[in-house]
């Protein structure tokens, strides 16, 4: 199998060099996956943290029995958002 690779590292399978579009280069070896943008990684981490805030955790926070857990998660989320 052969590949057409664009300037940002994204690629697609092709059968010959003639299948490459403008701005793509032909490769007979599979290129590595394109890097994930840092902002996308941060947004994924924020979503993971937000998903840990369950109804049970919120009830514990309202009752004051979470030991500051919710506040800690909110701080982590705020710190991550500052990096975007």
Protein backbone atom coordinates (compact mmCIF):
# COMPACT_ATOMS: atom_id res chain seq x y z
CA UNK A 1 0.00 0.00 0.00
CA UNK A 2 1.14 3.55 -0.70
CA UNK A 3 0.27 6.85 0.90
CA UNK A 4 -0.31 10.52 0.09
CA UNK A 5 1.02 12.73 2.91
CA UNK A 6 0.10 16.40 3.33
CA UNK A 7 2.09 19.23 4.95
CA UNK A 8 0.63 18.71 8.45
CA UNK A 9 1.42 15.00 8.50
CA UNK A 10 -2.07 13.68 7.80
CA UNK A 11 -2.15 10.89 5.23
CA UNK A 12 -4.44 8.72 3.16
CA UNK A 13 -4.00 5.51 1.19
CA UNK A 14 -3.42 5.81 -2.57
CA UNK A 15 -2.56 3.36 -5.32
CA UNK A 16 -0.01 5.45 -7.24
CA UNK A 17 1.80 8.80 -7.20
CA UNK A 18 -0.76 10.11 -9.68
CA UNK A 19 -3.42 9.86 -6.94
CA UNK A 20 -1.69 12.54 -4.86
CA UNK A 21 -3.37 15.92 -4.71
CA UNK A 22 -1.60 19.27 -4.84
CA UNK A 23 0.48 19.73 -1.68
CA UNK A 24 0.75 15.99 -0.98
CA UNK A 25 3.83 13.83 -1.31
CA UNK A 26 3.92 10.16 -2.24
CA UNK A 27 5.29 7.56 0.21
CA UNK A 28 5.50 3.79 -0.04
CA UNK A 29 5.88 3.47 3.74
CA UNK A 30 3.06 4.23 6.15
CA UNK A 31 3.77 7.55 7.87
CA UNK A 32 3.35 7.89 11.63
CA UNK A 33 0.00 9.27 12.83
CA UNK A 34 -0.34 13.04 12.76
CA UNK A 35 0.35 14.61 16.16
CA UNK A 36 -2.65 15.54 18.31
CA UNK A 37 -2.74 19.30 18.92
CA UNK A 38 -1.97 20.28 22.51
CA UNK A 39 -5.29 22.14 22.87
CA UNK A 40 -7.17 18.99 21.96
CA UNK A 41 -5.31 17.03 24.64
CA UNK A 42 -6.12 19.70 27.25
CA UNK A 43 -9.80 19.72 26.25
CA UNK A 44 -9.89 15.94 26.56
CA UNK A 45 -8.37 16.11 30.06
CA UNK A 46 -10.94 18.77 31.07
CA UNK A 47 -13.77 16.53 29.84
CA UNK A 48 -12.34 13.60 31.81
CA UNK A 49 -12.20 15.69 34.99
CA UNK A 50 -15.72 17.04 34.46
CA UNK A 51 -16.98 13.48 34.04
CA UNK A 52 -15.77 12.63 37.55
CA UNK A 53 -18.18 15.20 39.05
CA UNK A 54 -21.10 12.84 39.59
CA UNK A 55 -24.37 13.46 41.39
CA UNK A 56 -23.02 11.59 44.40
CA UNK A 57 -19.89 13.77 44.48
CA UNK A 58 -22.04 16.90 44.22
CA UNK A 59 -24.22 15.75 47.14
CA UNK A 60 -21.10 15.14 49.23
CA UNK A 61 -19.87 18.65 48.38
CA UNK A 62 -23.22 20.22 49.31
CA UNK A 63 -23.18 18.35 52.62
CA UNK A 64 -19.55 19.35 53.20
CA UNK A 65 -18.37 15.74 53.42
CA UNK A 66 -16.19 15.65 50.29
CA UNK A 67 -13.04 16.86 52.05
CA UNK A 68 -12.57 19.60 49.45
CA UNK A 69 -12.58 17.13 46.56
CA UNK A 70 -14.91 19.19 44.34
CA UNK A 71 -12.91 22.35 44.97
CA UNK A 72 -9.75 20.49 43.96
CA UNK A 73 -11.29 19.25 40.71
CA UNK A 74 -12.60 22.73 39.90
CA UNK A 75 -9.10 24.16 40.46
CA UNK A 76 -7.55 21.55 38.14
CA UNK A 77 -10.11 22.40 35.46
CA UNK A 78 -9.52 26.15 35.87
CA UNK A 79 -5.74 25.66 35.64
CA UNK A 80 -6.12 23.59 32.46
CA UNK A 81 -8.44 26.20 30.89
CA UNK A 82 -5.75 28.86 31.48
CA UNK A 83 -3.45 26.90 29.15
CA UNK A 84 -5.86 27.09 26.22
